[in-house]
Amino acid sequence: MGKKNCWDEKKCGREPGGAKVADMGVCPAAEDASSNGLNSGKNGGRICWAVAGTFCGGKKQGTFADKRLSCMGCEFYKKVNEEEGGGFVLLKPEQ
């Protein structure tokens, strides 16, 4: 199995064509083409903590500065950090 994007790992259903798109819309991480390839992910799928407006725990999150502490405690964040090792990207380059 390859490296998963957040929507695959969290099974949120907010990726394009996902089960919850009609109710909640497509997640900004799934649409963030400027992050494509970072941490080996599709769009913002493996740097979701740096994408404003993602959902976590059913609530819309703010900017990286707003959600930094909760994201750094997230199991997916920790998994990506471990999988990427020395190549781990914390923030998108334009930030």
C-alpha atoms as a PDB file:
ATOM      1  CA  MET A   1       0.000   0.000   0.000  1.00  0.00           C
ATOM      2  CA  GLY A   2       1.313   3.430  -0.914  1.00  0.00           C
ATOM      3  CA  LYS A   3       1.308   6.605   1.081  1.00  0.00           C
ATOM      4  CA  LYS A   4      -2.212   7.787   1.841  1.00  0.00           C
ATOM      5  CA  ASN A   5      -3.670  11.269   1.542  1.00  0.00           C
ATOM      6  CA  CYS A   6      -5.651  12.621   4.503  1.00  0.00           C
ATOM      7  CA  TRP A   7      -9.053  11.861   2.949  1.00  0.00           C
ATOM      8  CA  ASP A   8      -8.022   8.220   2.440  1.00  0.00           C
ATOM      9  CA  GLU A   9      -6.630   7.900   5.962  1.00  0.00           C
ATOM     10  CA  LYS A  10      -9.439   9.774   7.734  1.00  0.00           C
ATOM     11  CA  LYS A  11     -12.220   8.490   5.445  1.00  0.00           C
ATOM     12  CA  CYS A  12     -13.935  11.881   5.601  1.00  0.00           C
ATOM     13  CA  GLY A  13     -15.696  11.556   2.240  1.00  0.00           C
ATOM     14  CA  ARG A  14     -14.802  15.120   1.213  1.00  0.00           C
ATOM     15  CA  GLU A  15     -12.462  14.276  -1.675  1.00  0.00           C
ATOM     16  CA  PRO A  16     -13.832  14.969  -5.202  1.00  0.00           C
ATOM     17  CA  GLY A  17     -16.613  12.435  -5.751  1.00  0.00           C
ATOM     18  CA  GLY A  18     -16.662  11.541  -2.043  1.00  0.00           C
ATOM     19  CA  ALA A  19     -19.757  10.484  -0.125  1.00  0.00           C
ATOM     20  CA  LYS A  20     -20.065  13.730   1.884  1.00  0.00           C
ATOM     21  CA  VAL A  21     -19.331  16.287  -0.853  1.00  0.00           C
ATOM     22  CA  ALA A  22     -23.039  17.032  -1.436  1.00  0.00           C
ATOM     23  CA  ASP A  23     -23.509  17.874   2.259  1.00  0.00           C
ATOM     24  CA  MET A  24     -20.157  19.418   3.205  1.00  0.00           C
ATOM     25  CA  GLY A  25     -18.418  20.338  -0.046  1.00  0.00           C
ATOM     26  CA  VAL A  26     -15.002  19.307  -1.310  1.00  0.00           C
ATOM     27  CA  CYS A  27     -12.228  19.757   1.255  1.00  0.00           C
ATOM     28  CA  PRO A  28      -9.792  22.599   0.501  1.00  0.00           C
ATOM     29  CA  ALA A  29      -6.868  20.172   0.937  1.00  0.00           C
ATOM     30  CA  ALA A  30      -8.226  17.956  -1.841  1.00  0.00           C
ATOM     31  CA  GLU A  31      -8.448  20.961  -4.199  1.00  0.00           C
ATOM     32  CA  ASP A  32      -5.164  22.682  -3.283  1.00  0.00           C
ATOM     33  CA  ALA A  33      -3.144  22.043  -6.452  1.00  0.00           C
ATOM     34  CA  SER A  34      -0.405  24.410  -5.223  1.00  0.00           C
ATOM     35  CA  SER A  35       0.537  21.738  -2.666  1.00  0.00           C
ATOM     36  CA  ASN A  36       0.600  18.865  -5.144  1.00  0.00           C
ATOM     37  CA  GLY A  37       3.526  16.550  -4.456  1.00  0.00           C
ATOM     38  CA  LEU A  38       4.409  17.961  -1.031  1.00  0.00           C
ATOM     39  CA  ASN A  39       5.135  15.089   1.363  1.00  0.00           C
ATOM     40  CA  SER A  40       4.414  12.760  -1.590  1.00  0.00           C
ATOM     41  CA  GLY A  41       0.724  13.689  -1.617  1.00  0.00           C
ATOM     42  CA  LYS A  42      -1.945  14.573  -4.122  1.00  0.00           C
ATOM     43  CA  ASN A  43      -2.792  18.269  -3.885  1.00  0.00           C
ATOM     44  CA  GLY A  44      -2.898  19.132  -0.135  1.00  0.00           C
ATOM     45  CA  GLY A  45      -3.547  15.546   0.927  1.00  0.00           C
ATOM     46  CA  ARG A  46      -0.321  15.150   2.905  1.00  0.00           C
ATOM     47  CA  ILE A  47       0.047  18.731   4.129  1.00  0.00           C
ATOM     48  CA  CYS A  48      -3.571  19.292   5.183  1.00  0.00           C
ATOM     49  CA  TRP A  49      -2.482  21.000   8.414  1.00  0.00           C
ATOM     50  CA  ALA A  50      -1.100  23.897   6.329  1.00  0.00           C
ATOM     51  CA  VAL A  51      -4.287  24.310   4.259  1.00  0.00           C
ATOM     52  CA  ALA A  52      -6.818  26.770   5.668  1.00  0.00           C
ATOM     53  CA  GLY A  53     -10.438  25.721   6.014  1.00  0.00           C
ATOM     54  CA  THR A  54     -10.054  21.955   6.365  1.00  0.00           C
ATOM     55  CA  PHE A  55     -12.414  20.063   8.667  1.00  0.00           C
ATOM     56  CA  CYS A  56     -11.392  18.101  11.727  1.00  0.00           C
ATOM     57  CA  GLY A  57     -13.735  16.546  14.214  1.00  0.00           C
ATOM     58  CA  GLY A  58     -16.658  17.799  12.129  1.00  0.00           C
ATOM     59  CA  LYS A  59     -15.664  21.456  12.520  1.00  0.00           C
ATOM     60  CA  LYS A  60     -14.109  23.856  10.033  1.00  0.00           C
ATOM     61  CA  GLN A  61     -10.559  24.729  11.028  1.00  0.00           C
ATOM     62  CA  GLY A  62      -8.788  28.036  10.396  1.00  0.00           C
ATOM     63  CA  THR A  63      -5.285  28.849   9.249  1.00  0.00           C
ATOM     64  CA  PHE A  64      -2.167  26.880  10.171  1.00  0.00           C
ATOM     65  CA  ALA A  65      -1.528  29.329  13.002  1.00  0.00           C
ATOM     66  CA  ASP A  66      -5.034  28.671  14.365  1.00  0.00           C
ATOM     67  CA  LYS A  67      -4.909  24.891  14.148  1.00  0.00           C
ATOM     68  CA  ARG A  68      -1.190  24.213  14.586  1.00  0.00           C
ATOM     69  CA  LEU A  69      -1.315  22.596  18.024  1.00  0.00           C
ATOM     70  CA  SER A  70      -4.273  20.342  17.343  1.00  0.00           C
ATOM     71  CA  CYS A  71      -2.814  19.232  13.996  1.00  0.00           C
ATOM     72  CA  MET A  72       0.574  18.439  15.483  1.00  0.00           C
ATOM     73  CA  GLY A  73      -1.198  16.039  17.850  1.00  0.00           C
ATOM     74  CA  CYS A  74      -3.024  14.337  14.977  1.00  0.00           C
ATOM     75  CA  GLU A  75      -2.051  10.727  14.199  1.00  0.00           C
ATOM     76  CA  PHE A  76      -2.077  11.443  10.451  1.00  0.00           C
ATOM     77  CA  TYR A  77       0.341  14.372  10.878  1.00  0.00           C
ATOM     78  CA  LYS A  78       2.648  12.127  12.916  1.00  0.00           C
ATOM     79  CA  LYS A  79       2.407   9.349  10.321  1.00  0.00           C
ATOM     80  CA  VAL A  80       3.335  11.672   7.438  1.00  0.00           C
ATOM     81  CA  ASN A  81       6.235  13.095   9.454  1.00  0.00           C
ATOM     82  CA  GLU A  82       7.537   9.585  10.111  1.00  0.00           C
ATOM     83  CA  GLU A  83       7.028   8.381   6.527  1.00  0.00           C
ATOM     84  CA  GLU A  84       8.755  11.417   4.999  1.00  0.00           C
ATOM     85  CA  GLY A  85      11.643  11.486   7.469  1.00  0.00           C
ATOM     86  CA  GLY A  86      14.181  14.193   6.605  1.00  0.00           C
ATOM     87  CA  GLY A  87      12.115  15.327   3.601  1.00  0.00           C
ATOM     88  CA  PHE A  88       9.069  16.242   5.723  1.00  0.00           C
ATOM     89  CA  VAL A  89       7.487  19.560   4.698  1.00  0.00           C
ATOM     90  CA  LEU A  90       5.779  21.432   7.543  1.00  0.00           C
ATOM     91  CA  LEU A  91       4.547  24.486   5.609  1.00  0.00           C
ATOM     92  CA  LYS A  92       3.734  25.226   2.005  1.00  0.00           C
ATOM     93  CA  PRO A  93       6.635  27.147   0.363  1.00  0.00           C
ATOM     94  CA  GLU A  94       4.690  30.408  -0.037  1.00  0.00           C
ATOM     95  CA  GLN A  95       3.966  30.596   3.699  1.00  0.00           C
END
